[in-house]
C-alpha atoms as a PDB file:
ATOM      1  CA  MET A   1      -6.518 -49.399 -41.584  1.00  0.00           C
ATOM      2  CA  GLU A   2      -7.839 -46.280 -41.952  1.00  0.00           C
ATOM      3  CA  SER A   3      -6.847 -45.086 -38.540  1.00  0.00           C
ATOM      4  CA  ILE A   4      -3.344 -45.862 -39.154  1.00  0.00           C
ATOM      5  CA  LYS A   5      -3.439 -43.771 -42.179  1.00  0.00           C
ATOM      6  CA  ARG A   6      -4.914 -40.912 -40.117  1.00  0.00           C
ATOM      7  CA  VAL A   7      -1.855 -41.121 -37.752  1.00  0.00           C
ATOM      8  CA  LEU A   8       0.802 -41.091 -40.431  1.00  0.00           C
ATOM      9  CA  ILE A   9      -0.977 -38.204 -42.204  1.00  0.00           C
ATOM     10  CA  VAL A  10      -0.807 -36.216 -38.764  1.00  0.00           C
ATOM     11  CA  LEU A  11       2.923 -37.578 -38.017  1.00  0.00           C
ATOM     12  CA  MET A  12       4.016 -36.613 -41.611  1.00  0.00           C
ATOM     13  CA  ALA A  13       2.318 -32.937 -41.059  1.00  0.00           C
ATOM     14  CA  THR A  14       3.950 -32.562 -37.798  1.00  0.00           C
ATOM     15  CA  LEU A  15       7.137 -33.462 -39.084  1.00  0.00           C
ATOM     16  CA  LEU A  16       7.179 -30.833 -41.782  1.00  0.00           C
ATOM     17  CA  SER A  17       6.008 -28.188 -39.592  1.00  0.00           C
ATOM     18  CA  TYR A  18       8.874 -28.902 -37.430  1.00  0.00           C
ATOM     19  CA  GLN A  19      11.202 -28.714 -40.133  1.00  0.00           C
ATOM     20  CA  PHE A  20      10.069 -25.394 -41.313  1.00  0.00           C
ATOM     21  CA  LEU A  21      10.241 -24.012 -38.104  1.00  0.00           C
ATOM     22  CA  CYS A  22      13.765 -25.195 -37.620  1.00  0.00           C
ATOM     23  CA  ASN A  23      14.776 -23.725 -41.168  1.00  0.00           C
ATOM     24  CA  SER A  24      13.053 -20.583 -40.480  1.00  0.00           C
ATOM     25  CA  ALA A  25      14.757 -20.061 -37.047  1.00  0.00           C
ATOM     26  CA  PHE A  26      18.274 -20.869 -39.036  1.00  0.00           C
ATOM     27  CA  ALA A  27      17.681 -18.155 -41.495  1.00  0.00           C
ATOM     28  CA  GLY A  28      17.365 -15.873 -39.197  1.00  0.00           C
ATOM     29  CA  ALA A  29      20.144 -16.585 -36.838  1.00  0.00           C
ATOM     30  CA  PRO A  30      22.736 -14.264 -38.401  1.00  0.00           C
ATOM     31  CA  GLU A  31      20.187 -11.149 -38.016  1.00  0.00           C
ATOM     32  CA  ASN A  32      19.342 -12.282 -34.400  1.00  0.00           C
ATOM     33  CA  ASN A  33      22.699 -13.776 -32.963  1.00  0.00           C
ATOM     34  CA  PRO A  34      25.344 -11.295 -31.487  1.00  0.00           C
ATOM     35  CA  VAL A  35      28.355 -10.491 -33.777  1.00  0.00           C
ATOM     36  CA  SER A  36      31.511  -9.678 -32.372  1.00  0.00           C
ATOM     37  CA  LEU A  37      33.806  -8.053 -35.537  1.00  0.00           C
ATOM     38  CA  LYS A  38      37.265  -8.618 -34.669  1.00  0.00           C
ATOM     39  CA  ILE A  39      39.558  -5.495 -35.528  1.00  0.00           C
ATOM     40  CA  ALA A  40      42.936  -4.630 -35.580  1.00  0.00           C
ATOM     41  CA  THR A  41      44.942  -1.522 -36.002  1.00  0.00           C
ATOM     42  CA  ILE A  42      48.601  -0.584 -35.750  1.00  0.00           C
ATOM     43  CA  ALA A  43      47.997   2.715 -33.812  1.00  0.00           C
ATOM     44  CA  PRO A  44      49.061   2.454 -30.437  1.00  0.00           C
ATOM     45  CA  GLU A  45      47.047   1.245 -27.364  1.00  0.00           C
ATOM     46  CA  GLY A  46      45.502   4.691 -25.777  1.00  0.00           C
ATOM     47  CA  SER A  47      46.279   6.808 -29.057  1.00  0.00           C
ATOM     48  CA  THR A  48      43.422   9.498 -30.403  1.00  0.00           C
ATOM     49  CA  TRP A  49      42.662   6.519 -33.063  1.00  0.00           C
ATOM     50  CA  HIS A  50      42.443   3.801 -30.831  1.00  0.00           C
ATOM     51  CA  ARG A  51      40.449   5.777 -28.249  1.00  0.00           C
ATOM     52  CA  ILE A  52      37.688   6.967 -30.885  1.00  0.00           C
ATOM     53  CA  MET A  53      37.341   3.106 -32.029  1.00  0.00           C
ATOM     54  CA  GLU A  54      36.827   2.221 -28.557  1.00  0.00           C
ATOM     55  CA  GLU A  55      34.071   5.191 -28.370  1.00  0.00           C
ATOM     56  CA  LEU A  56      32.678   3.950 -31.596  1.00  0.00           C
ATOM     57  CA  ASN A  57      32.253   0.091 -29.990  1.00  0.00           C
ATOM     58  CA  THR A  58      30.426   1.562 -27.054  1.00  0.00           C
ATOM     59  CA  ASP A  59      28.001   3.235 -29.371  1.00  0.00           C
ATOM     60  CA  VAL A  60      27.139   0.732 -31.637  1.00  0.00           C
ATOM     61  CA  LYS A  61      26.552  -1.711 -28.881  1.00  0.00           C
ATOM     62  CA  ALA A  62      24.249   0.635 -27.260  1.00  0.00           C
ATOM     63  CA  LYS A  63      22.235   1.579 -30.631  1.00  0.00           C
ATOM     64  CA  THR A  64      22.146  -2.188 -31.628  1.00  0.00           C
ATOM     65  CA  GLN A  65      21.322  -3.471 -28.325  1.00  0.00           C
ATOM     66  CA  ASN A  66      24.489  -5.606 -28.097  1.00  0.00           C
ATOM     67  CA  ARG A  67      23.787  -7.427 -31.464  1.00  0.00           C
ATOM     68  CA  VAL A  68      26.923  -6.022 -32.817  1.00  0.00           C
ATOM     69  CA  SER A  69      30.506  -4.859 -31.337  1.00  0.00           C
ATOM     70  CA  PHE A  70      34.207  -4.756 -32.094  1.00  0.00           C
ATOM     71  CA  LYS A  71      36.765  -6.667 -30.553  1.00  0.00           C
ATOM     72  CA  ILE A  72      39.671  -4.365 -31.072  1.00  0.00           C
ATOM     73  CA  TYR A  73      43.519  -5.262 -31.187  1.00  0.00           C
ATOM     74  CA  PRO A  74      45.545  -2.289 -31.207  1.00  0.00           C
ATOM     75  CA  GLY A  75      49.219  -1.487 -31.609  1.00  0.00           C
ATOM     76  CA  GLY A  76      50.262  -4.192 -33.704  1.00  0.00           C
ATOM     77  CA  VAL A  77      49.732  -7.167 -31.806  1.00  0.00           C
ATOM     78  CA  ALA A  78      47.767  -8.680 -34.907  1.00  0.00           C
ATOM     79  CA  GLY A  79      51.080  -7.989 -36.833  1.00  0.00           C
ATOM     80  CA  ASP A  80      51.773  -4.572 -39.229  1.00  0.00           C
ATOM     81  CA  GLU A  81      49.100  -3.925 -41.580  1.00  0.00           C
ATOM     82  CA  LYS A  82      50.263  -6.559 -44.146  1.00  0.00           C
ATOM     83  CA  ALA A  83      49.960  -9.527 -41.701  1.00  0.00           C
ATOM     84  CA  VAL A  84      46.010  -8.054 -40.676  1.00  0.00           C
ATOM     85  CA  ILE A  85      45.556  -8.293 -44.163  1.00  0.00           C
ATOM     86  CA  SER A  86      46.535 -12.142 -44.450  1.00  0.00           C
ATOM     87  CA  LYS A  87      44.498 -12.725 -41.457  1.00  0.00           C
ATOM     88  CA  ILE A  88      41.525 -11.113 -42.704  1.00  0.00           C
ATOM     89  CA  ARG A  89      41.494 -13.240 -45.735  1.00  0.00           C
ATOM     90  CA  ILE A  90      41.781 -16.475 -44.000  1.00  0.00           C
ATOM     91  CA  GLY A  91      38.697 -15.448 -41.524  1.00  0.00           C
ATOM     92  CA  GLN A  92      41.088 -14.873 -38.401  1.00  0.00           C
ATOM     93  CA  LEU A  93      40.119 -11.141 -38.297  1.00  0.00           C
ATOM     94  CA  ASP A  94      36.824  -9.318 -39.805  1.00  0.00           C
ATOM     95  CA  GLY A  95      38.582  -5.965 -40.665  1.00  0.00           C
ATOM     96  CA  GLY A  96      40.880  -3.441 -39.605  1.00  0.00           C
ATOM     97  CA  ALA A  97      41.843   0.379 -39.916  1.00  0.00           C
ATOM     98  CA  PHE A  98      44.541   1.064 -42.500  1.00  0.00           C
ATOM     99  CA  THR A  99      47.158   3.520 -43.665  1.00  0.00           C
ATOM    100  CA  GLY A 100      47.546   3.837 -47.633  1.00  0.00           C
ATOM    101  CA  PHE A 101      50.006   1.212 -47.288  1.00  0.00           C
ATOM    102  CA  GLY A 102      47.559  -1.584 -46.098  1.00  0.00           C
ATOM    103  CA  MET A 103      44.824  -0.289 -48.470  1.00  0.00           C
ATOM    104  CA  GLY A 104      46.973  -0.566 -51.374  1.00  0.00           C
ATOM    105  CA  GLU A 105      47.926  -4.232 -50.291  1.00  0.00           C
ATOM    106  CA  ILE A 106      44.083  -4.931 -51.337  1.00  0.00           C
ATOM    107  CA  LEU A 107      43.525  -2.066 -54.015  1.00  0.00           C
ATOM    108  CA  PRO A 108      46.966  -0.609 -55.320  1.00  0.00           C
ATOM    109  CA  GLU A 109      45.210   2.285 -57.202  1.00  0.00           C
ATOM    110  CA  GLU A 110      44.468   3.834 -53.966  1.00  0.00           C
ATOM    111  CA  ARG A 111      47.788   4.572 -53.418  1.00  0.00           C
ATOM    112  CA  VAL A 112      47.188   7.607 -56.122  1.00  0.00           C
ATOM    113  CA  MET A 113      46.347   9.496 -53.193  1.00  0.00           C
ATOM    114  CA  ASP A 114      49.644   9.328 -51.115  1.00  0.00           C
ATOM    115  CA  LEU A 115      51.639  10.866 -53.984  1.00  0.00           C
ATOM    116  CA  PRO A 116      54.177  13.049 -52.402  1.00  0.00           C
ATOM    117  CA  PHE A 117      53.764  16.862 -53.364  1.00  0.00           C
ATOM    118  CA  LEU A 118      50.561  16.299 -55.430  1.00  0.00           C
ATOM    119  CA  PHE A 119      48.468  18.212 -53.138  1.00  0.00           C
ATOM    120  CA  ALA A 120      49.193  21.986 -52.041  1.00  0.00           C
ATOM    121  CA  ASP A 121      46.811  21.832 -49.315  1.00  0.00           C
ATOM    122  CA  GLU A 122      44.524  20.051 -47.197  1.00  0.00           C
ATOM    123  CA  LYS A 123      41.497  21.440 -48.841  1.00  0.00           C
ATOM    124  CA  GLU A 124      42.731  19.907 -52.438  1.00  0.00           C
ATOM    125  CA  PHE A 125      43.309  16.604 -50.861  1.00  0.00           C
ATOM    126  CA  GLN A 126      39.833  16.545 -48.963  1.00  0.00           C
ATOM    127  CA  HIS A 127      37.927  17.617 -52.363  1.00  0.00           C
ATOM    128  CA  VAL A 128      39.689  14.646 -54.419  1.00  0.00           C
ATOM    129  CA  ARG A 129      39.073  12.083 -51.671  1.00  0.00           C
ATOM    130  CA  SER A 130      35.260  12.814 -51.379  1.00  0.00           C
ATOM    131  CA  GLY A 131      35.531  13.015 -54.908  1.00  0.00           C
ATOM    132  CA  LEU A 132      36.672   9.294 -55.464  1.00  0.00           C
ATOM    133  CA  THR A 133      34.784   8.074 -52.516  1.00  0.00           C
ATOM    134  CA  PRO A 134      32.257   6.343 -54.557  1.00  0.00           C
ATOM    135  CA  TYR A 135      34.847   4.937 -56.927  1.00  0.00           C
ATOM    136  CA  PHE A 136      37.102   3.499 -54.098  1.00  0.00           C
ATOM    137  CA  GLU A 137      34.076   2.148 -52.274  1.00  0.00           C
ATOM    138  CA  LYS A 138      32.894   0.398 -55.530  1.00  0.00           C
ATOM    139  CA  ALA A 139      36.235  -1.060 -56.176  1.00  0.00           C
ATOM    140  CA  PHE A 140      36.795  -2.214 -52.323  1.00  0.00           C
ATOM    141  CA  SER A 141      33.564  -3.810 -52.890  1.00  0.00           C
ATOM    142  CA  GLU A 142      34.769  -5.809 -55.902  1.00  0.00           C
ATOM    143  CA  LYS A 143      38.037  -6.932 -54.051  1.00  0.00           C
ATOM    144  CA  GLY A 144      35.331  -8.442 -51.129  1.00  0.00           C
ATOM    145  CA  PHE A 145      35.608  -5.420 -48.333  1.00  0.00           C
ATOM    146  CA  VAL A 146      33.300  -2.947 -47.245  1.00  0.00           C
ATOM    147  CA  LEU A 147      34.809   0.596 -46.964  1.00  0.00           C
ATOM    148  CA  VAL A 148      33.254   1.814 -43.699  1.00  0.00           C
ATOM    149  CA  GLY A 149      34.463   5.492 -43.590  1.00  0.00           C
ATOM    150  CA  TRP A 150      37.781   7.722 -43.638  1.00  0.00           C
ATOM    151  CA  MET A 151      39.981   8.492 -40.863  1.00  0.00           C
ATOM    152  CA  ASP A 152      42.192  11.482 -41.142  1.00  0.00           C
ATOM    153  CA  LEU A 153      46.064  11.248 -40.475  1.00  0.00           C
ATOM    154  CA  GLY A 154      47.218  14.633 -41.608  1.00  0.00           C
ATOM    155  CA  GLU A 155      50.526  16.042 -43.324  1.00  0.00           C
ATOM    156  CA  VAL A 156      53.589  13.794 -43.210  1.00  0.00           C
ATOM    157  CA  TYR A 157      56.829  15.574 -42.281  1.00  0.00           C
ATOM    158  CA  LEU A 158      60.722  13.849 -42.382  1.00  0.00           C
ATOM    159  CA  TYR A 159      62.253  13.466 -38.865  1.00  0.00           C
ATOM    160  CA  GLY A 160      65.961  12.740 -38.314  1.00  0.00           C
ATOM    161  CA  ILE A 161      68.377  11.759 -35.708  1.00  0.00           C
ATOM    162  CA  LYS A 162      71.028  13.882 -37.623  1.00  0.00           C
ATOM    163  CA  PRO A 163      70.439  17.160 -39.291  1.00  0.00           C
ATOM    164  CA  ILE A 164      68.921  16.525 -42.742  1.00  0.00           C
ATOM    165  CA  ASP A 165      69.174  20.322 -43.962  1.00  0.00           C
ATOM    166  CA  ASN A 166      69.247  19.582 -47.555  1.00  0.00           C
ATOM    167  CA  LEU A 167      68.468  16.782 -50.240  1.00  0.00           C
ATOM    168  CA  ASP A 168      72.169  15.888 -50.127  1.00  0.00           C
ATOM    169  CA  GLN A 169      72.034  15.258 -46.625  1.00  0.00           C
ATOM    170  CA  LEU A 170      68.808  13.216 -47.071  1.00  0.00           C
ATOM    171  CA  LYS A 171      70.627  11.076 -49.710  1.00  0.00           C
ATOM    172  CA  ASN A 172      73.551  10.619 -47.090  1.00  0.00           C
ATOM    173  CA  THR A 173      71.183   9.205 -44.397  1.00  0.00           C
ATOM    174  CA  LYS A 174      69.638   5.982 -43.651  1.00  0.00           C
ATOM    175  CA  ILE A 175      66.113   6.578 -44.294  1.00  0.00           C
ATOM    176  CA  TRP A 176      63.281   4.145 -43.127  1.00  0.00           C
ATOM    177  CA  VAL A 177      60.591   2.844 -45.713  1.00  0.00           C
ATOM    178  CA  TRP A 178      58.075   0.648 -44.866  1.00  0.00           C
ATOM    179  CA  GLU A 179      58.948  -2.904 -45.831  1.00  0.00           C
ATOM    180  CA  GLY A 180      56.751  -4.009 -48.763  1.00  0.00           C
ATOM    181  CA  ASP A 181      55.910  -0.503 -49.887  1.00  0.00           C
ATOM    182  CA  THR A 182      56.888  -0.167 -53.377  1.00  0.00           C
ATOM    183  CA  LEU A 183      55.204   3.078 -53.978  1.00  0.00           C
ATOM    184  CA  ALA A 184      57.555   4.791 -51.509  1.00  0.00           C
ATOM    185  CA  LEU A 185      60.483   2.790 -52.621  1.00  0.00           C
ATOM    186  CA  VAL A 186      60.197   4.072 -56.175  1.00  0.00           C
ATOM    187  CA  CYS A 187      59.706   7.625 -54.826  1.00  0.00           C
ATOM    188  CA  TRP A 188      62.960   7.442 -52.698  1.00  0.00           C
ATOM    189  CA  GLN A 189      65.021   5.688 -55.565  1.00  0.00           C
ATOM    190  CA  GLU A 190      63.782   8.611 -57.789  1.00  0.00           C
ATOM    191  CA  LEU A 191      65.443  11.006 -55.628  1.00  0.00           C
ATOM    192  CA  GLY A 192      68.511   9.379 -55.241  1.00  0.00           C
ATOM    193  CA  VAL A 193      68.054   7.653 -51.814  1.00  0.00           C
ATOM    194  CA  THR A 194      68.402   4.089 -50.890  1.00  0.00           C
ATOM    195  CA  PRO A 195      66.062   3.418 -47.912  1.00  0.00           C
ATOM    196  CA  VAL A 196      66.096   0.777 -45.320  1.00  0.00           C
ATOM    197  CA  PRO A 197      63.125  -1.459 -45.555  1.00  0.00           C
ATOM    198  CA  LEU A 198      61.675  -2.364 -41.691  1.00  0.00           C
ATOM    199  CA  SER A 199      57.915  -2.924 -40.888  1.00  0.00           C
ATOM    200  CA  VAL A 200      56.204  -0.377 -38.888  1.00  0.00           C
ATOM    201  CA  VAL A 201      56.480  -1.862 -35.684  1.00  0.00           C
ATOM    202  CA  ASP A 202      60.297  -2.266 -35.885  1.00  0.00           C
ATOM    203  CA  VAL A 203      60.772   1.190 -36.352  1.00  0.00           C
ATOM    204  CA  MET A 204      61.814   2.607 -32.990  1.00  0.00           C
ATOM    205  CA  MET A 205      63.842  -0.682 -32.739  1.00  0.00           C
ATOM    206  CA  GLY A 206      65.747   0.738 -35.800  1.00  0.00           C
ATOM    207  CA  LEU A 207      66.010   4.244 -34.422  1.00  0.00           C
ATOM    208  CA  GLN A 208      67.583   2.935 -31.174  1.00  0.00           C
ATOM    209  CA  THR A 209      70.123   0.796 -32.708  1.00  0.00           C
ATOM    210  CA  GLY A 210      71.017   3.229 -35.839  1.00  0.00           C
ATOM    211  CA  MET A 211      69.581   0.774 -38.260  1.00  0.00           C
ATOM    212  CA  VAL A 212      67.737   4.099 -39.747  1.00  0.00           C
ATOM    213  CA  GLU A 213      68.449   7.501 -38.914  1.00  0.00           C
ATOM    214  CA  THR A 214      65.582   9.413 -40.704  1.00  0.00           C
ATOM    215  CA  VAL A 215      61.630   8.351 -40.875  1.00  0.00           C
ATOM    216  CA  TYR A 216      58.351  10.291 -41.714  1.00  0.00           C
ATOM    217  CA  ASN A 217      55.274  10.385 -40.165  1.00  0.00           C
ATOM    218  CA  THR A 218      52.529  12.854 -39.372  1.00  0.00           C
ATOM    219  CA  ALA A 219      53.280  14.900 -35.863  1.00  0.00           C
ATOM    220  CA  LEU A 220      50.675  13.128 -34.000  1.00  0.00           C
ATOM    221  CA  GLY A 221      51.985   9.751 -35.248  1.00  0.00           C
ATOM    222  CA  ALA A 222      55.694  10.899 -34.368  1.00  0.00           C
ATOM    223  CA  ILE A 223      54.449  11.320 -30.963  1.00  0.00           C
ATOM    224  CA  SER A 224      51.941   8.414 -30.340  1.00  0.00           C
ATOM    225  CA  PHE A 225      55.018   6.013 -31.518  1.00  0.00           C
ATOM    226  CA  GLN A 226      57.309   7.770 -29.580  1.00  0.00           C
ATOM    227  CA  TRP A 227      59.490   8.163 -32.651  1.00  0.00           C
ATOM    228  CA  TYR A 228      60.467  11.953 -31.893  1.00  0.00           C
ATOM    229  CA  VAL A 229      62.375  11.091 -28.994  1.00  0.00           C
ATOM    230  CA  ARG A 230      64.955   9.797 -31.014  1.00  0.00           C
ATOM    231  CA  THR A 231      64.845  12.183 -33.932  1.00  0.00           C
ATOM    232  CA  LYS A 232      65.708  15.532 -32.705  1.00  0.00           C
ATOM    233  CA  TYR A 233      65.006  17.332 -36.566  1.00  0.00           C
ATOM    234  CA  ARG A 234      61.950  17.820 -38.344  1.00  0.00           C
ATOM    235  CA  VAL A 235      61.878  19.205 -42.087  1.00  0.00           C
ATOM    236  CA  THR A 236      59.184  21.736 -42.030  1.00  0.00           C
ATOM    237  CA  THR A 237      57.853  21.084 -45.635  1.00  0.00           C
ATOM    238  CA  PRO A 238      55.296  18.897 -45.626  1.00  0.00           C
ATOM    239  CA  MET A 239      55.680  15.508 -47.776  1.00  0.00           C
ATOM    240  CA  THR A 240      52.008  14.638 -48.758  1.00  0.00           C
ATOM    241  CA  PHE A 241      48.499  14.248 -46.774  1.00  0.00           C
ATOM    242  CA  VAL A 242      47.530  10.973 -45.719  1.00  0.00           C
ATOM    243  CA  THR A 243      44.546   9.173 -44.951  1.00  0.00           C
ATOM    244  CA  ALA A 244      43.253   6.050 -43.237  1.00  0.00           C
ATOM    245  CA  THR A 245      39.948   3.928 -43.271  1.00  0.00           C
ATOM    246  CA  LEU A 246      38.058   1.181 -41.520  1.00  0.00           C
ATOM    247  CA  LEU A 247      37.847  -1.695 -43.794  1.00  0.00           C
ATOM    248  CA  LEU A 248      35.236  -4.825 -43.127  1.00  0.00           C
ATOM    249  CA  ARG A 249      35.223  -8.122 -44.649  1.00  0.00           C
ATOM    250  CA  LYS A 250      32.331  -8.256 -46.730  1.00  0.00           C
ATOM    251  CA  ASN A 251      30.960 -11.709 -45.916  1.00  0.00           C
ATOM    252  CA  ALA A 252      31.483 -10.451 -41.962  1.00  0.00           C
ATOM    253  CA  PHE A 253      29.739  -7.215 -42.778  1.00  0.00           C
ATOM    254  CA  GLU A 254      26.531  -9.093 -44.543  1.00  0.00           C
ATOM    255  CA  LYS A 255      26.142 -11.520 -41.179  1.00  0.00           C
ATOM    256  CA  LEU A 256      24.413  -7.881 -39.901  1.00  0.00           C
ATOM    257  CA  SER A 257      20.915  -7.292 -40.252  1.00  0.00           C
ATOM    258  CA  ALA A 258      20.338  -4.418 -42.984  1.00  0.00           C
ATOM    259  CA  ASP A 259      19.131  -1.946 -40.123  1.00  0.00           C
ATOM    260  CA  ASP A 260      22.422  -3.009 -38.028  1.00  0.00           C
ATOM    261  CA  ARG A 261      24.878  -2.485 -40.955  1.00  0.00           C
ATOM    262  CA  GLN A 262      23.190   1.130 -41.552  1.00  0.00           C
ATOM    263  CA  ILE A 263      23.565   1.915 -37.656  1.00  0.00           C
ATOM    264  CA  LEU A 264      27.311   0.671 -37.959  1.00  0.00           C
ATOM    265  CA  ILE A 265      28.090   2.969 -40.866  1.00  0.00           C
ATOM    266  CA  THR A 266      26.155   6.116 -39.852  1.00  0.00           C
ATOM    267  CA  SER A 267      27.664   5.783 -36.428  1.00  0.00           C
ATOM    268  CA  SER A 268      31.239   5.001 -37.718  1.00  0.00           C
ATOM    269  CA  ARG A 269      31.116   7.899 -39.873  1.00  0.00           C
ATOM    270  CA  SER A 270      30.013  10.243 -37.401  1.00  0.00           C
ATOM    271  CA  HIS A 271      32.793   9.489 -34.864  1.00  0.00           C
ATOM    272  CA  PHE A 272      35.353   9.560 -37.848  1.00  0.00           C
ATOM    273  CA  GLU A 273      34.078  13.062 -38.424  1.00  0.00           C
ATOM    274  CA  ARG A 274      35.043  13.854 -34.754  1.00  0.00           C
ATOM    275  CA  LEU A 275      38.298  12.077 -35.169  1.00  0.00           C
ATOM    276  CA  ASN A 276      39.470  13.747 -38.268  1.00  0.00           C
ATOM    277  CA  GLN A 277      38.625  17.189 -36.324  1.00  0.00           C
ATOM    278  CA  LEU A 278      40.693  16.159 -33.230  1.00  0.00           C
ATOM    279  CA  ILE A 279      43.559  14.724 -35.504  1.00  0.00           C
ATOM    280  CA  HIS A 280      43.613  18.333 -37.224  1.00  0.00           C
ATOM    281  CA  THR A 281      44.035  19.859 -33.449  1.00  0.00           C
ATOM    282  CA  GLN A 282      46.512  17.363 -32.361  1.00  0.00           C
ATOM    283  CA  ASN A 283      48.959  17.482 -35.174  1.00  0.00           C
ATOM    284  CA  ALA A 284      49.116  21.281 -34.576  1.00  0.00           C
ATOM    285  CA  GLU A 285      49.711  20.697 -30.803  1.00  0.00           C
ATOM    286  CA  SER A 286      52.086  17.691 -31.500  1.00  0.00           C
ATOM    287  CA  ILE A 287      54.526  20.077 -33.376  1.00  0.00           C
ATOM    288  CA  THR A 288      54.229  22.622 -30.523  1.00  0.00           C
ATOM    289  CA  VAL A 289      54.739  19.599 -27.924  1.00  0.00           C
ATOM    290  CA  MET A 290      57.851  18.371 -29.801  1.00  0.00           C
ATOM    291  CA  ASN A 291      59.578  22.014 -30.222  1.00  0.00           C
ATOM    292  CA  GLU A 292      59.586  22.450 -26.374  1.00  0.00           C
ATOM    293  CA  ARG A 293      61.110  19.123 -26.156  1.00  0.00           C
ATOM    294  CA  GLY A 294      63.898  20.075 -28.142  1.00  0.00           C
ATOM    295  CA  VAL A 295      62.881  19.295 -32.226  1.00  0.00           C
ATOM    296  CA  GLN A 296      64.537  21.634 -34.165  1.00  0.00           C
ATOM    297  CA  ASN A 297      62.651  22.630 -37.139  1.00  0.00           C
ATOM    298  CA  VAL A 298      64.536  22.489 -40.284  1.00  0.00           C
ATOM    299  CA  ILE A 299      63.889  24.992 -43.158  1.00  0.00           C
ATOM    300  CA  TRP A 300      65.243  23.720 -46.349  1.00  0.00           C
ATOM    301  CA  PRO A 301      66.251  25.798 -49.808  1.00  0.00           C
ATOM    302  CA  GLU A 302      63.444  26.283 -52.074  1.00  0.00           C
ATOM    303  CA  GLU A 303      66.063  24.899 -54.703  1.00  0.00           C
ATOM    304  CA  ASP A 304      65.945  21.592 -53.140  1.00  0.00           C
ATOM    305  CA  ILE A 305      62.249  21.468 -52.724  1.00  0.00           C
ATOM    306  CA  ASN A 306      61.594  22.334 -56.127  1.00  0.00           C
ATOM    307  CA  GLU A 307      64.363  19.395 -57.018  1.00  0.00           C
ATOM    308  CA  LEU A 308      61.898  17.059 -54.750  1.00  0.00           C
ATOM    309  CA  LYS A 309      58.467  18.259 -56.749  1.00  0.00           C
ATOM    310  CA  LYS A 310      60.500  17.502 -59.943  1.00  0.00           C
ATOM    311  CA  GLY A 311      61.340  14.024 -58.889  1.00  0.00           C
ATOM    312  CA  ALA A 312      57.902  13.675 -57.652  1.00  0.00           C
ATOM    313  CA  ASP A 313      56.422  14.665 -61.203  1.00  0.00           C
ATOM    314  CA  ASN A 314      58.489  11.992 -62.642  1.00  0.00           C
ATOM    315  CA  VAL A 315      57.265   9.219 -60.374  1.00  0.00           C
ATOM    316  CA  TYR A 316      53.568  10.082 -61.000  1.00  0.00           C
ATOM    317  CA  GLN A 317      54.144   9.290 -64.592  1.00  0.00           C
ATOM    318  CA  LYS A 318      56.267   6.105 -63.834  1.00  0.00           C
ATOM    319  CA  LEU A 319      53.375   4.439 -62.063  1.00  0.00           C
ATOM    320  CA  ILE A 320      50.846   5.239 -64.583  1.00  0.00           C
ATOM    321  CA  GLY A 321      49.707   1.876 -65.518  1.00  0.00           C
ATOM    322  CA  LYS A 322      51.731   0.060 -62.967  1.00  0.00           C
ATOM    323  CA  GLN A 323      50.040   1.317 -59.818  1.00  0.00           C
ATOM    324  CA  TYR A 324      46.935   3.515 -61.200  1.00  0.00           C
ATOM    325  CA  SER A 325      45.586   3.928 -64.439  1.00  0.00           C
ATOM    326  CA  LYS A 326      45.534   6.903 -66.379  1.00  0.00           C
ATOM    327  CA  GLU A 327      41.968   7.706 -66.268  1.00  0.00           C
ATOM    328  CA  LEU A 328      42.251   7.579 -62.238  1.00  0.00           C
ATOM    329  CA  PHE A 329      44.903  10.139 -62.161  1.00  0.00           C
ATOM    330  CA  ASP A 330      43.569  12.402 -64.752  1.00  0.00           C
ATOM    331  CA  GLU A 331      40.375  12.008 -62.467  1.00  0.00           C
ATOM    332  CA  VAL A 332      42.531  13.158 -59.482  1.00  0.00           C
ATOM    333  CA  ILE A 333      44.341  16.052 -61.357  1.00  0.00           C
ATOM    334  CA  LYS A 334      40.795  17.291 -62.518  1.00  0.00           C
ATOM    335  CA  LEU A 335      39.467  17.219 -59.201  1.00  0.00           C
ATOM    336  CA  ARG A 336      42.121  18.657 -57.780  1.00  0.00           C
ATOM    337  CA  ASP A 337      42.535  21.874 -60.215  1.00  0.00           C
ATOM    338  CA  GLU A 338      39.074  22.335 -59.348  1.00  0.00           C
ATOM    339  CA  THR A 339      39.898  23.775 -55.858  1.00  0.00           C
ATOM    340  CA  ARG A 340      42.530  25.940 -57.602  1.00  0.00           C
ATOM    341  CA  GLY A 341      40.415  28.174 -59.557  1.00  0.00           C
ATOM    342  CA  ASN A 342      42.678  27.851 -62.485  1.00  0.00           C
ATOM    343  CA  ALA A 343      41.943  24.827 -65.170  1.00  0.00           C
ATOM    344  CA  LYS A 344      45.121  23.111 -66.004  1.00  0.00           C
ATOM    345  CA  THR A 345      45.584  19.879 -68.384  1.00  0.00           C
ATOM    346  CA  ALA A 346      45.279  16.960 -66.906  1.00  0.00           C
ATOM    347  CA  GLY A 347      48.339  14.977 -66.106  1.00  0.00           C
ATOM    348  CA  ASN A 348      50.529  17.952 -65.931  1.00  0.00           C
ATOM    349  CA  PRO A 349      50.510  18.887 -62.063  1.00  0.00           C
END
């Protein structure tokens, strides 16, 4: 009997040890197993944004010894930004590179950075974005996303199939608006313009069929998407400055070890800094290329530009309490005016 008890004790000890080892191995699996993060972007395949993302992937794989990698879906193959967000939320994708439109689908108040004519130059825009980054990081985190880093897009211009020499001509043209973009819709309606909603992936078709006659994009964007081939006129006054970001689903990001998370963040921001420098140069080069290929620069009368800015001022106020809070808008104005050397009253651009 005593020998049977000893055998049972040894057997139980063995089983407990085995269970402990299995549990320990399972607990460590997320940090040891390779993780491939599925990322989507509307940036065309081979574009500067896509190329930098692929270089980032190579860098992260090397630094994590293949523990972390990206599977990148460029060119809208996973759908437009709204569709990508839906796929992230159901776990089909782990993240995406988003413009303000996509970011606004997750965090509406981020669209304060897209307001037209709010910033006089890129210096103001960069200062405000830098000052608000901690706020946006926290706000996205509360929505279940990690803000990995910012990617510059540049200044946005109007491009037309036919001349758009002034505000009256703009009102009589069929202008595109990103389908579902409430901010852009409000802005155009305030100016008396009735836009045509289309997904960004359908814009080229719209230009080819005449469904839309005027679009807006950065210079590099107009070249990358080939919109400039159909639009032969560019209004030289920029409407706004736009940015993009890489967002990851928080629970996908947290599958990585603490060390690998830091590698991903550090590498991303290093590559995005280089991207931002490239974008600045390539936007300027893109304008030169378009001019050489027959795209005409259109200079608007000062009174029409002032009318646009007046309409923009009205939009700022209308969106308070709907798109963003008064406190956030006031903070934007305060940060912006820090670069101007003159203190303006918050809320009065």
